[in-house]
């Protein structure tokens, strides 16, 4: 039996094909289309799945089940992404489960938001398989997958864990990609860090080597100048404040023992992202302060979680498969 895992992100689309032992036999990746519509994104998903199957020498109809970890918001009943916050407005609806089910000729297609797939992957591949943990992604957007008492929380429509849309700034000086003000994601996501840096510079226009006015200015520029530019360090200090505040809210809501952090912003800048969070949390949290660690699955955490979902009937419960995981 073969299984497919898909990671649909705002930046990239990935697919893997694996066997009953969760060994990856084939994979493919491409950039997420920015248009002209949602069908173009669906076609990209099907394309990487076909290519992964081809690399594994597996006919798509030989696949027994598939898992998808996707950006949201989701409409689980319809099996689609509806109005994604971090893609252009022309992409309103992305069909997923129906087209993939047709390609693979199976009804066993499990759709999760990407962070739920991430926490499934973390639990499945962890030696301890912790029952109470959070997977937090700081990437193009911000979100969390939450496991409580061994159950992954998805919500009736699949949109539990959209913690990036928690309001952390009641003054709402920054507008999120979803259109609302003051959200965690509006300040600290990879897409919005440059906008926040410009806002901070308008408030205090000190000299800086950052290319603030350049349309190509990105979060990468901020972190590359860290330690050498006073303003870049100020931006990173502010990001640390909001990140710690957001994570403290998550900890108070769900009481995890472990918080595993991934996403491009965190993976590429662990010292600048995780260390300040660890320093600030004891001042903000009055219950148990969990272990905060960088995911060991790197940027494959979501796609490996999607594969684990396919293997376990959508649950991520490793006890359902009689294999040893590394």
C-alpha atoms as a PDB file:
ATOM      1  CA  UNK A   1       0.000   0.000   0.000  1.00  0.00           C
ATOM      2  CA  UNK A   2       1.207   3.506  -0.814  1.00  0.00           C
ATOM      3  CA  UNK A   3       0.323   6.840   0.766  1.00  0.00           C
ATOM      4  CA  UNK A   4       0.535  10.477  -0.294  1.00  0.00           C
ATOM      5  CA  UNK A   5       1.226  13.591   1.762  1.00  0.00           C
ATOM      6  CA  UNK A   6       0.680  17.121   0.438  1.00  0.00           C
ATOM      7  CA  UNK A   7       1.798  20.455   1.877  1.00  0.00           C
ATOM      8  CA  UNK A   8       0.024  23.433   0.317  1.00  0.00           C
ATOM      9  CA  UNK A   9       1.683  26.594   1.585  1.00  0.00           C
ATOM     10  CA  UNK A  10       1.506  30.216   0.547  1.00  0.00           C
ATOM     11  CA  UNK A  11       4.997  29.932  -0.947  1.00  0.00           C
ATOM     12  CA  UNK A  12       5.435  26.313  -2.044  1.00  0.00           C
ATOM     13  CA  UNK A  13       3.447  23.182  -2.865  1.00  0.00           C
ATOM     14  CA  UNK A  14       5.020  19.834  -1.918  1.00  0.00           C
ATOM     15  CA  UNK A  15       4.052  16.209  -2.231  1.00  0.00           C
ATOM     16  CA  UNK A  16       5.583  12.940  -1.062  1.00  0.00           C
ATOM     17  CA  UNK A  17       4.738   9.302  -1.675  1.00  0.00           C
ATOM     18  CA  UNK A  18       5.496   6.813   1.094  1.00  0.00           C
ATOM     19  CA  UNK A  19       4.971   3.193   2.061  1.00  0.00           C
ATOM     20  CA  UNK A  20       3.549   1.499   5.176  1.00  0.00           C
ATOM     21  CA  UNK A  21       6.705   2.395   7.132  1.00  0.00           C
ATOM     22  CA  UNK A  22       6.397   6.132   6.349  1.00  0.00           C
ATOM     23  CA  UNK A  23       9.526   5.885   4.198  1.00  0.00           C
ATOM     24  CA  UNK A  24       9.437   8.538   1.481  1.00  0.00           C
ATOM     25  CA  UNK A  25       9.823   6.940  -1.946  1.00  0.00           C
ATOM     26  CA  UNK A  26       9.265   9.986  -4.140  1.00  0.00           C
ATOM     27  CA  UNK A  27       8.730  13.726  -3.806  1.00  0.00           C
ATOM     28  CA  UNK A  28       8.244  16.922  -5.762  1.00  0.00           C
ATOM     29  CA  UNK A  29       7.945  20.645  -5.045  1.00  0.00           C
ATOM     30  CA  UNK A  30       7.101  23.839  -6.887  1.00  0.00           C
ATOM     31  CA  UNK A  31       6.147  27.417  -6.132  1.00  0.00           C
ATOM     32  CA  UNK A  32       2.534  28.110  -5.235  1.00  0.00           C
ATOM     33  CA  UNK A  33       0.815  29.859  -8.177  1.00  0.00           C
ATOM     34  CA  UNK A  34      -0.242  33.436  -7.513  1.00  0.00           C
ATOM     35  CA  UNK A  35      -3.121  33.215 -10.003  1.00  0.00           C
ATOM     36  CA  UNK A  36      -5.046  33.538 -12.180  1.00  0.00           C
ATOM     37  CA  UNK A  37      -7.464  31.654  -9.913  1.00  0.00           C
ATOM     38  CA  UNK A  38      -7.773  28.870  -7.366  1.00  0.00           C
ATOM     39  CA  UNK A  39      -7.936  26.170 -10.018  1.00  0.00           C
ATOM     40  CA  UNK A  40      -4.325  26.997 -10.916  1.00  0.00           C
ATOM     41  CA  UNK A  41      -3.341  26.109  -7.342  1.00  0.00           C
ATOM     42  CA  UNK A  42      -5.366  22.882  -7.510  1.00  0.00           C
ATOM     43  CA  UNK A  43      -3.566  21.957 -10.712  1.00  0.00           C
ATOM     44  CA  UNK A  44      -0.220  22.617  -9.034  1.00  0.00           C
ATOM     45  CA  UNK A  45      -1.170  20.218  -6.220  1.00  0.00           C
ATOM     46  CA  UNK A  46      -2.132  17.504  -8.707  1.00  0.00           C
ATOM     47  CA  UNK A  47       1.058  18.134 -10.684  1.00  0.00           C
ATOM     48  CA  UNK A  48       3.412  17.610  -7.725  1.00  0.00           C
ATOM     49  CA  UNK A  49       1.487  14.504  -6.660  1.00  0.00           C
ATOM     50  CA  UNK A  50       1.835  13.031 -10.168  1.00  0.00           C
ATOM     51  CA  UNK A  51       5.557  13.851 -10.211  1.00  0.00           C
ATOM     52  CA  UNK A  52       6.130  12.344  -6.751  1.00  0.00           C
ATOM     53  CA  UNK A  53       4.323   9.181  -7.837  1.00  0.00           C
ATOM     54  CA  UNK A  54       6.406   9.064 -11.008  1.00  0.00           C
ATOM     55  CA  UNK A  55       9.640   9.358  -9.026  1.00  0.00           C
ATOM     56  CA  UNK A  56       8.472   6.520  -6.767  1.00  0.00           C
ATOM     57  CA  UNK A  57       7.418   4.399  -9.781  1.00  0.00           C
ATOM     58  CA  UNK A  58       3.925   4.268  -8.315  1.00  0.00           C
ATOM     59  CA  UNK A  59       0.747   4.590 -10.360  1.00  0.00           C
ATOM     60  CA  UNK A  60      -1.491   7.206  -8.642  1.00  0.00           C
ATOM     61  CA  UNK A  61      -4.330   4.667  -8.526  1.00  0.00           C
ATOM     62  CA  UNK A  62      -2.137   2.415  -6.329  1.00  0.00           C
ATOM     63  CA  UNK A  63      -2.294   5.008  -3.520  1.00  0.00           C
ATOM     64  CA  UNK A  64      -4.640   3.957  -0.737  1.00  0.00           C
ATOM     65  CA  UNK A  65      -4.941   7.226   1.170  1.00  0.00           C
ATOM     66  CA  UNK A  66      -3.707  10.817   1.182  1.00  0.00           C
ATOM     67  CA  UNK A  67      -3.317  13.592   3.709  1.00  0.00           C
ATOM     68  CA  UNK A  68      -3.234  17.307   2.935  1.00  0.00           C
ATOM     69  CA  UNK A  69      -1.833  20.041   5.148  1.00  0.00           C
ATOM     70  CA  UNK A  70      -3.023  23.373   3.751  1.00  0.00           C
ATOM     71  CA  UNK A  71      -3.120  27.069   4.370  1.00  0.00           C
ATOM     72  CA  UNK A  72      -6.558  28.239   5.445  1.00  0.00           C
ATOM     73  CA  UNK A  73      -9.234  29.054   6.054  1.00  0.00           C
ATOM     74  CA  UNK A  74     -10.749  25.690   5.181  1.00  0.00           C
ATOM     75  CA  UNK A  75     -14.238  24.520   4.356  1.00  0.00           C
ATOM     76  CA  UNK A  76     -13.912  20.896   5.423  1.00  0.00           C
ATOM     77  CA  UNK A  77     -17.348  19.873   4.209  1.00  0.00           C
ATOM     78  CA  UNK A  78     -16.526  21.059   0.689  1.00  0.00           C
ATOM     79  CA  UNK A  79     -12.865  20.060   0.873  1.00  0.00           C
ATOM     80  CA  UNK A  80     -11.611  23.472  -0.223  1.00  0.00           C
ATOM     81  CA  UNK A  81      -9.578  26.469   0.886  1.00  0.00           C
ATOM     82  CA  UNK A  82     -11.879  29.475   0.956  1.00  0.00           C
ATOM     83  CA  UNK A  83     -10.421  32.996   0.708  1.00  0.00           C
ATOM     84  CA  UNK A  84      -6.789  32.370   1.753  1.00  0.00           C
ATOM     85  CA  UNK A  85      -5.309  35.349   3.599  1.00  0.00           C
ATOM     86  CA  UNK A  86      -1.779  35.014   2.217  1.00  0.00           C
ATOM     87  CA  UNK A  87      -2.491  34.594  -1.487  1.00  0.00           C
ATOM     88  CA  UNK A  88      -3.705  37.262  -3.958  1.00  0.00           C
ATOM     89  CA  UNK A  89      -7.388  38.166  -3.824  1.00  0.00           C
ATOM     90  CA  UNK A  90      -7.978  36.604  -7.261  1.00  0.00           C
ATOM     91  CA  UNK A  91      -7.542  33.206  -5.569  1.00  0.00           C
ATOM     92  CA  UNK A  92     -10.882  32.854  -3.821  1.00  0.00           C
ATOM     93  CA  UNK A  93     -11.484  29.087  -3.705  1.00  0.00           C
ATOM     94  CA  UNK A  94      -9.035  26.175  -4.024  1.00  0.00           C
ATOM     95  CA  UNK A  95     -10.660  22.724  -4.476  1.00  0.00           C
ATOM     96  CA  UNK A  96      -8.507  20.027  -2.877  1.00  0.00           C
ATOM     97  CA  UNK A  97     -10.065  16.800  -1.624  1.00  0.00           C
ATOM     98  CA  UNK A  98     -12.325  16.185  -4.642  1.00  0.00           C
ATOM     99  CA  UNK A  99      -9.691  16.550  -7.372  1.00  0.00           C
ATOM    100  CA  UNK A 100      -7.082  14.592  -5.385  1.00  0.00           C
ATOM    101  CA  UNK A 101      -9.608  11.852  -4.667  1.00  0.00           C
ATOM    102  CA  UNK A 102     -10.301  11.568  -8.393  1.00  0.00           C
ATOM    103  CA  UNK A 103      -6.608  11.434  -9.288  1.00  0.00           C
ATOM    104  CA  UNK A 104      -5.866   8.724  -6.736  1.00  0.00           C
ATOM    105  CA  UNK A 105      -9.189   6.903  -7.076  1.00  0.00           C
ATOM    106  CA  UNK A 106      -9.687   6.817  -3.295  1.00  0.00           C
ATOM    107  CA  UNK A 107     -12.165   8.407  -0.906  1.00  0.00           C
ATOM    108  CA  UNK A 108      -9.566   8.392   1.891  1.00  0.00           C
ATOM    109  CA  UNK A 109      -8.286  11.950   1.546  1.00  0.00           C
ATOM    110  CA  UNK A 110      -7.809  13.770   4.861  1.00  0.00           C
ATOM    111  CA  UNK A 111      -7.670  17.572   4.843  1.00  0.00           C
ATOM    112  CA  UNK A 112      -6.110  19.540   7.712  1.00  0.00           C
ATOM    113  CA  UNK A 113      -4.884  23.065   8.116  1.00  0.00           C
ATOM    114  CA  UNK A 114      -1.121  23.059   7.755  1.00  0.00           C
ATOM    115  CA  UNK A 115      -0.345  23.481  11.437  1.00  0.00           C
ATOM    116  CA  UNK A 116      -2.582  20.562  12.401  1.00  0.00           C
ATOM    117  CA  UNK A 117      -0.651  18.481   9.879  1.00  0.00           C
ATOM    118  CA  UNK A 118       2.482  19.831  11.564  1.00  0.00           C
ATOM    119  CA  UNK A 119       1.467  18.706  15.044  1.00  0.00           C
ATOM    120  CA  UNK A 120       0.442  15.310  13.610  1.00  0.00           C
ATOM    121  CA  UNK A 121       3.934  15.034  12.110  1.00  0.00           C
ATOM    122  CA  UNK A 122       5.614  16.098  15.348  1.00  0.00           C
ATOM    123  CA  UNK A 123       3.707  13.542  17.418  1.00  0.00           C
ATOM    124  CA  UNK A 124       4.067  10.735  14.886  1.00  0.00           C
ATOM    125  CA  UNK A 125       7.832  11.112  14.538  1.00  0.00           C
ATOM    126  CA  UNK A 126       8.617  11.933  18.169  1.00  0.00           C
ATOM    127  CA  UNK A 127      10.102   9.251  20.384  1.00  0.00           C
ATOM    128  CA  UNK A 128       7.738  10.290  23.183  1.00  0.00           C
ATOM    129  CA  UNK A 129       4.633  10.912  21.043  1.00  0.00           C
ATOM    130  CA  UNK A 130       3.544  13.642  23.521  1.00  0.00           C
ATOM    131  CA  UNK A 131      -0.181  13.902  24.214  1.00  0.00           C
ATOM    132  CA  UNK A 132      -0.114  17.628  25.056  1.00  0.00           C
ATOM    133  CA  UNK A 133       1.864  19.759  22.666  1.00  0.00           C
ATOM    134  CA  UNK A 134       1.709  22.618  20.181  1.00  0.00           C
ATOM    135  CA  UNK A 135       3.306  22.998  16.790  1.00  0.00           C
ATOM    136  CA  UNK A 136       3.725  26.710  16.038  1.00  0.00           C
ATOM    137  CA  UNK A 137       4.662  27.952  12.591  1.00  0.00           C
ATOM    138  CA  UNK A 138       6.149  31.396  12.011  1.00  0.00           C
ATOM    139  CA  UNK A 139       6.363  31.679   8.255  1.00  0.00           C
ATOM    140  CA  UNK A 140       4.400  33.516   5.552  1.00  0.00           C
ATOM    141  CA  UNK A 141       1.643  33.369   8.155  1.00  0.00           C
ATOM    142  CA  UNK A 142       1.387  32.285  11.794  1.00  0.00           C
ATOM    143  CA  UNK A 143      -0.657  29.366  13.078  1.00  0.00           C
ATOM    144  CA  UNK A 144      -0.650  26.516  15.566  1.00  0.00           C
ATOM    145  CA  UNK A 145      -1.573  22.870  15.631  1.00  0.00           C
ATOM    146  CA  UNK A 146      -2.699  21.786  19.098  1.00  0.00           C
ATOM    147  CA  UNK A 147      -2.856  18.331  20.666  1.00  0.00           C
ATOM    148  CA  UNK A 148      -4.659  18.025  24.023  1.00  0.00           C
ATOM    149  CA  UNK A 149      -4.900  14.692  25.857  1.00  0.00           C
ATOM    150  CA  UNK A 150      -3.753  12.948  22.683  1.00  0.00           C
ATOM    151  CA  UNK A 151      -6.380  14.499  20.407  1.00  0.00           C
ATOM    152  CA  UNK A 152      -5.539  16.995  17.678  1.00  0.00           C
ATOM    153  CA  UNK A 153      -7.981  19.900  17.824  1.00  0.00           C
ATOM    154  CA  UNK A 154      -9.399  20.714  14.412  1.00  0.00           C
ATOM    155  CA  UNK A 155     -12.760  22.374  15.086  1.00  0.00           C
ATOM    156  CA  UNK A 156     -15.988  21.654  13.231  1.00  0.00           C
ATOM    157  CA  UNK A 157     -14.764  23.393  10.069  1.00  0.00           C
ATOM    158  CA  UNK A 158     -11.048  22.567  10.346  1.00  0.00           C
ATOM    159  CA  UNK A 159     -10.003  26.073  11.367  1.00  0.00           C
ATOM    160  CA  UNK A 160      -9.010  25.605  15.001  1.00  0.00           C
ATOM    161  CA  UNK A 161      -5.475  26.805  15.611  1.00  0.00           C
ATOM    162  CA  UNK A 162      -5.622  30.037  13.601  1.00  0.00           C
ATOM    163  CA  UNK A 163      -3.746  31.712  16.440  1.00  0.00           C
ATOM    164  CA  UNK A 164      -2.031  34.144  14.076  1.00  0.00           C
ATOM    165  CA  UNK A 165      -5.376  35.933  13.985  1.00  0.00           C
ATOM    166  CA  UNK A 166      -5.478  36.475  17.718  1.00  0.00           C
ATOM    167  CA  UNK A 167      -5.617  40.193  18.502  1.00  0.00           C
ATOM    168  CA  UNK A 168      -2.430  41.031  20.385  1.00  0.00           C
ATOM    169  CA  UNK A 169      -2.486  44.805  19.822  1.00  0.00           C
ATOM    170  CA  UNK A 170      -5.796  46.421  20.779  1.00  0.00           C
ATOM    171  CA  UNK A 171      -4.633  49.662  19.147  1.00  0.00           C
ATOM    172  CA  UNK A 172      -4.407  47.774  15.852  1.00  0.00           C
ATOM    173  CA  UNK A 173      -1.695  49.789  14.153  1.00  0.00           C
ATOM    174  CA  UNK A 174      -1.030  46.959  11.665  1.00  0.00           C
ATOM    175  CA  UNK A 175      -3.577  45.361   9.332  1.00  0.00           C
ATOM    176  CA  UNK A 176      -3.407  41.608   8.776  1.00  0.00           C
ATOM    177  CA  UNK A 177      -3.673  39.937   5.378  1.00  0.00           C
ATOM    178  CA  UNK A 178      -7.159  38.804   6.428  1.00  0.00           C
ATOM    179  CA  UNK A 179      -8.236  42.461   6.605  1.00  0.00           C
ATOM    180  CA  UNK A 180      -8.461  42.814  10.398  1.00  0.00           C
ATOM    181  CA  UNK A 181      -6.270  44.968  12.615  1.00  0.00           C
ATOM    182  CA  UNK A 182      -3.929  44.082  15.469  1.00  0.00           C
ATOM    183  CA  UNK A 183      -3.465  40.393  14.702  1.00  0.00           C
ATOM    184  CA  UNK A 184      -0.272  38.559  15.717  1.00  0.00           C
ATOM    185  CA  UNK A 185       0.337  37.661  12.071  1.00  0.00           C
ATOM    186  CA  UNK A 186       0.144  41.332  11.059  1.00  0.00           C
ATOM    187  CA  UNK A 187       3.345  42.003  13.011  1.00  0.00           C
ATOM    188  CA  UNK A 188       5.448  38.858  13.007  1.00  0.00           C
ATOM    189  CA  UNK A 189       4.788  36.811   9.868  1.00  0.00           C
ATOM    190  CA  UNK A 190       7.386  36.766   7.118  1.00  0.00           C
ATOM    191  CA  UNK A 191       5.005  38.590   4.788  1.00  0.00           C
ATOM    192  CA  UNK A 192       4.323  41.397   7.246  1.00  0.00           C
ATOM    193  CA  UNK A 193       7.681  41.984   8.974  1.00  0.00           C
ATOM    194  CA  UNK A 194       8.763  44.474   6.257  1.00  0.00           C
ATOM    195  CA  UNK A 195       5.501  46.424   6.653  1.00  0.00           C
ATOM    196  CA  UNK A 196       5.933  46.499  10.417  1.00  0.00           C
ATOM    197  CA  UNK A 197       9.545  47.642  10.048  1.00  0.00           C
ATOM    198  CA  UNK A 198       8.377  50.539   7.861  1.00  0.00           C
ATOM    199  CA  UNK A 199       5.745  51.437  10.467  1.00  0.00           C
ATOM    200  CA  UNK A 200       8.352  51.469  13.231  1.00  0.00           C
ATOM    201  CA  UNK A 201      10.676  53.580  11.116  1.00  0.00           C
ATOM    202  CA  UNK A 202       7.949  56.145  10.506  1.00  0.00           C
ATOM    203  CA  UNK A 203       7.479  56.390  14.266  1.00  0.00           C
ATOM    204  CA  UNK A 204      11.215  56.848  14.857  1.00  0.00           C
ATOM    205  CA  UNK A 205      13.089  57.559  11.596  1.00  0.00           C
ATOM    206  CA  UNK A 206      16.623  56.852  12.819  1.00  0.00           C
ATOM    207  CA  UNK A 207      19.446  56.048  10.435  1.00  0.00           C
ATOM    208  CA  UNK A 208      19.520  52.481   9.210  1.00  0.00           C
ATOM    209  CA  UNK A 209      21.185  50.343   6.577  1.00  0.00           C
ATOM    210  CA  UNK A 210      17.900  48.545   5.956  1.00  0.00           C
ATOM    211  CA  UNK A 211      16.452  49.238   2.489  1.00  0.00           C
ATOM    212  CA  UNK A 212      13.218  50.519   3.997  1.00  0.00           C
ATOM    213  CA  UNK A 213      12.026  52.271   0.836  1.00  0.00           C
ATOM    214  CA  UNK A 214      12.979  49.486  -1.566  1.00  0.00           C
ATOM    215  CA  UNK A 215       9.887  47.614  -2.860  1.00  0.00           C
ATOM    216  CA  UNK A 216      12.001  44.433  -2.659  1.00  0.00           C
ATOM    217  CA  UNK A 217      12.686  44.935   1.080  1.00  0.00           C
ATOM    218  CA  UNK A 218      11.999  41.637   2.908  1.00  0.00           C
ATOM    219  CA  UNK A 219      12.200  40.038   6.333  1.00  0.00           C
ATOM    220  CA  UNK A 220      15.499  38.486   5.237  1.00  0.00           C
ATOM    221  CA  UNK A 221      17.035  41.969   5.142  1.00  0.00           C
ATOM    222  CA  UNK A 222      16.040  42.589   8.750  1.00  0.00           C
ATOM    223  CA  UNK A 223      17.666  39.422  10.055  1.00  0.00           C
ATOM    224  CA  UNK A 224      20.764  39.811   7.886  1.00  0.00           C
ATOM    225  CA  UNK A 225      21.447  43.203   9.511  1.00  0.00           C
ATOM    226  CA  UNK A 226      20.866  41.947  13.054  1.00  0.00           C
ATOM    227  CA  UNK A 227      23.730  42.750  15.409  1.00  0.00           C
ATOM    228  CA  UNK A 228      25.118  45.369  13.044  1.00  0.00           C
ATOM    229  CA  UNK A 229      22.245  47.827  12.664  1.00  0.00           C
ATOM    230  CA  UNK A 230      20.556  49.461  15.644  1.00  0.00           C
ATOM    231  CA  UNK A 231      17.203  49.779  13.930  1.00  0.00           C
ATOM    232  CA  UNK A 232      17.217  46.144  12.727  1.00  0.00           C
ATOM    233  CA  UNK A 233      17.860  45.086  16.314  1.00  0.00           C
ATOM    234  CA  UNK A 234      14.948  47.263  17.447  1.00  0.00           C
ATOM    235  CA  UNK A 235      12.622  45.567  14.943  1.00  0.00           C
ATOM    236  CA  UNK A 236      13.721  42.129  16.144  1.00  0.00           C
ATOM    237  CA  UNK A 237      13.174  43.159  19.790  1.00  0.00           C
ATOM    238  CA  UNK A 238       9.627  44.228  18.938  1.00  0.00           C
ATOM    239  CA  UNK A 239       8.985  40.974  17.088  1.00  0.00           C
ATOM    240  CA  UNK A 240      10.174  39.069  20.164  1.00  0.00           C
ATOM    241  CA  UNK A 241       7.702  40.974  22.336  1.00  0.00           C
ATOM    242  CA  UNK A 242       4.714  40.145  20.118  1.00  0.00           C
ATOM    243  CA  UNK A 243       5.823  36.540  19.555  1.00  0.00           C
ATOM    244  CA  UNK A 244       6.191  35.907  23.279  1.00  0.00           C
ATOM    245  CA  UNK A 245       2.828  37.537  23.972  1.00  0.00           C
ATOM    246  CA  UNK A 246       1.108  35.439  21.317  1.00  0.00           C
ATOM    247  CA  UNK A 247       2.699  32.208  22.496  1.00  0.00           C
ATOM    248  CA  UNK A 248       1.870  33.010  26.128  1.00  0.00           C
ATOM    249  CA  UNK A 249      -1.788  33.235  25.117  1.00  0.00           C
ATOM    250  CA  UNK A 250      -1.544  29.838  23.421  1.00  0.00           C
ATOM    251  CA  UNK A 251       0.114  28.321  26.504  1.00  0.00           C
ATOM    252  CA  UNK A 252      -2.576  29.659  28.828  1.00  0.00           C
ATOM    253  CA  UNK A 253      -5.286  28.280  26.535  1.00  0.00           C
ATOM    254  CA  UNK A 254      -3.918  24.753  26.047  1.00  0.00           C
ATOM    255  CA  UNK A 255      -1.231  24.022  28.696  1.00  0.00           C
ATOM    256  CA  UNK A 256       1.214  22.171  26.421  1.00  0.00           C
ATOM    257  CA  UNK A 257       4.291  20.399  27.757  1.00  0.00           C
ATOM    258  CA  UNK A 258       6.174  21.041  24.522  1.00  0.00           C
ATOM    259  CA  UNK A 259       5.987  23.779  21.887  1.00  0.00           C
ATOM    260  CA  UNK A 260       7.716  22.828  18.656  1.00  0.00           C
ATOM    261  CA  UNK A 261       8.386  25.772  16.358  1.00  0.00           C
ATOM    262  CA  UNK A 262       8.822  25.696  12.589  1.00  0.00           C
ATOM    263  CA  UNK A 263       8.188  27.844   9.544  1.00  0.00           C
ATOM    264  CA  UNK A 264      10.753  29.669   7.423  1.00  0.00           C
ATOM    265  CA  UNK A 265      11.155  32.692   9.718  1.00  0.00           C
ATOM    266  CA  UNK A 266      11.929  30.510  12.748  1.00  0.00           C
ATOM    267  CA  UNK A 267      13.935  27.843  10.909  1.00  0.00           C
ATOM    268  CA  UNK A 268      16.216  30.413   9.285  1.00  0.00           C
ATOM    269  CA  UNK A 269      16.655  32.557  12.412  1.00  0.00           C
ATOM    270  CA  UNK A 270      16.326  30.293  15.462  1.00  0.00           C
ATOM    271  CA  UNK A 271      18.571  32.370  17.740  1.00  0.00           C
ATOM    272  CA  UNK A 272      16.759  35.606  16.862  1.00  0.00           C
ATOM    273  CA  UNK A 273      13.279  34.077  17.186  1.00  0.00           C
ATOM    274  CA  UNK A 274      13.343  31.292  19.790  1.00  0.00           C
ATOM    275  CA  UNK A 275      15.900  32.578  22.303  1.00  0.00           C
ATOM    276  CA  UNK A 276      14.025  35.860  22.987  1.00  0.00           C
ATOM    277  CA  UNK A 277      10.748  33.950  23.319  1.00  0.00           C
ATOM    278  CA  UNK A 278      12.308  31.605  25.890  1.00  0.00           C
ATOM    279  CA  UNK A 279      13.670  34.590  27.819  1.00  0.00           C
ATOM    280  CA  UNK A 280      10.356  36.458  27.924  1.00  0.00           C
ATOM    281  CA  UNK A 281       7.892  33.616  28.593  1.00  0.00           C
ATOM    282  CA  UNK A 282       8.574  33.232  32.347  1.00  0.00           C
ATOM    283  CA  UNK A 283       7.542  36.876  32.800  1.00  0.00           C
ATOM    284  CA  UNK A 284       4.291  36.348  30.886  1.00  0.00           C
ATOM    285  CA  UNK A 285       3.127  32.834  31.838  1.00  0.00           C
ATOM    286  CA  UNK A 286       1.754  31.930  35.250  1.00  0.00           C
ATOM    287  CA  UNK A 287       1.234  28.187  34.612  1.00  0.00           C
ATOM    288  CA  UNK A 288       3.888  25.669  33.549  1.00  0.00           C
ATOM    289  CA  UNK A 289       6.318  27.140  31.015  1.00  0.00           C
ATOM    290  CA  UNK A 290       6.724  24.433  28.365  1.00  0.00           C
ATOM    291  CA  UNK A 291       9.855  23.379  26.541  1.00  0.00           C
ATOM    292  CA  UNK A 292      10.145  25.563  23.422  1.00  0.00           C
ATOM    293  CA  UNK A 293      12.205  23.877  20.725  1.00  0.00           C
ATOM    294  CA  UNK A 294      12.872  24.079  17.013  1.00  0.00           C
ATOM    295  CA  UNK A 295      11.224  21.284  15.037  1.00  0.00           C
ATOM    296  CA  UNK A 296      13.621  18.506  14.080  1.00  0.00           C
ATOM    297  CA  UNK A 297      11.615  17.866  10.899  1.00  0.00           C
ATOM    298  CA  UNK A 298      12.650  21.194   9.370  1.00  0.00           C
ATOM    299  CA  UNK A 299      10.573  22.428   6.466  1.00  0.00           C
ATOM    300  CA  UNK A 300       9.224  18.906   5.903  1.00  0.00           C
ATOM    301  CA  UNK A 301       7.144  18.881   9.081  1.00  0.00           C
ATOM    302  CA  UNK A 302       3.831  19.590   7.332  1.00  0.00           C
ATOM    303  CA  UNK A 303       4.277  17.214   4.406  1.00  0.00           C
ATOM    304  CA  UNK A 304       5.505  14.448   6.739  1.00  0.00           C
ATOM    305  CA  UNK A 305       2.527  15.133   8.989  1.00  0.00           C
ATOM    306  CA  UNK A 306       0.208  14.880   5.997  1.00  0.00           C
ATOM    307  CA  UNK A 307       1.789  11.530   5.125  1.00  0.00           C
ATOM    308  CA  UNK A 308       1.361  10.389   8.739  1.00  0.00           C
ATOM    309  CA  UNK A 309      -2.296  11.436   8.542  1.00  0.00           C
ATOM    310  CA  UNK A 310      -2.782   9.245   5.469  1.00  0.00           C
ATOM    311  CA  UNK A 311      -1.140   6.318   7.265  1.00  0.00           C
ATOM    312  CA  UNK A 312      -3.288   6.649  10.387  1.00  0.00           C
ATOM    313  CA  UNK A 313      -6.721   7.413   8.980  1.00  0.00           C
ATOM    314  CA  UNK A 314      -6.434  11.127   9.584  1.00  0.00           C
ATOM    315  CA  UNK A 315      -5.595  10.908  13.299  1.00  0.00           C
ATOM    316  CA  UNK A 316      -1.813  10.867  13.508  1.00  0.00           C
ATOM    317  CA  UNK A 317      -2.134   8.196  16.222  1.00  0.00           C
ATOM    318  CA  UNK A 318       1.033   6.126  15.803  1.00  0.00           C
ATOM    319  CA  UNK A 319      -0.500   3.187  17.676  1.00  0.00           C
ATOM    320  CA  UNK A 320      -2.600   2.567  14.557  1.00  0.00           C
ATOM    321  CA  UNK A 321       0.485   1.443  12.632  1.00  0.00           C
ATOM    322  CA  UNK A 322       2.756  -1.302  13.902  1.00  0.00           C
ATOM    323  CA  UNK A 323       6.078   0.238  12.926  1.00  0.00           C
ATOM    324  CA  UNK A 324       8.979   1.837  14.729  1.00  0.00           C
ATOM    325  CA  UNK A 325       9.518   5.491  13.921  1.00  0.00           C
ATOM    326  CA  UNK A 326      12.829   7.304  13.959  1.00  0.00           C
END
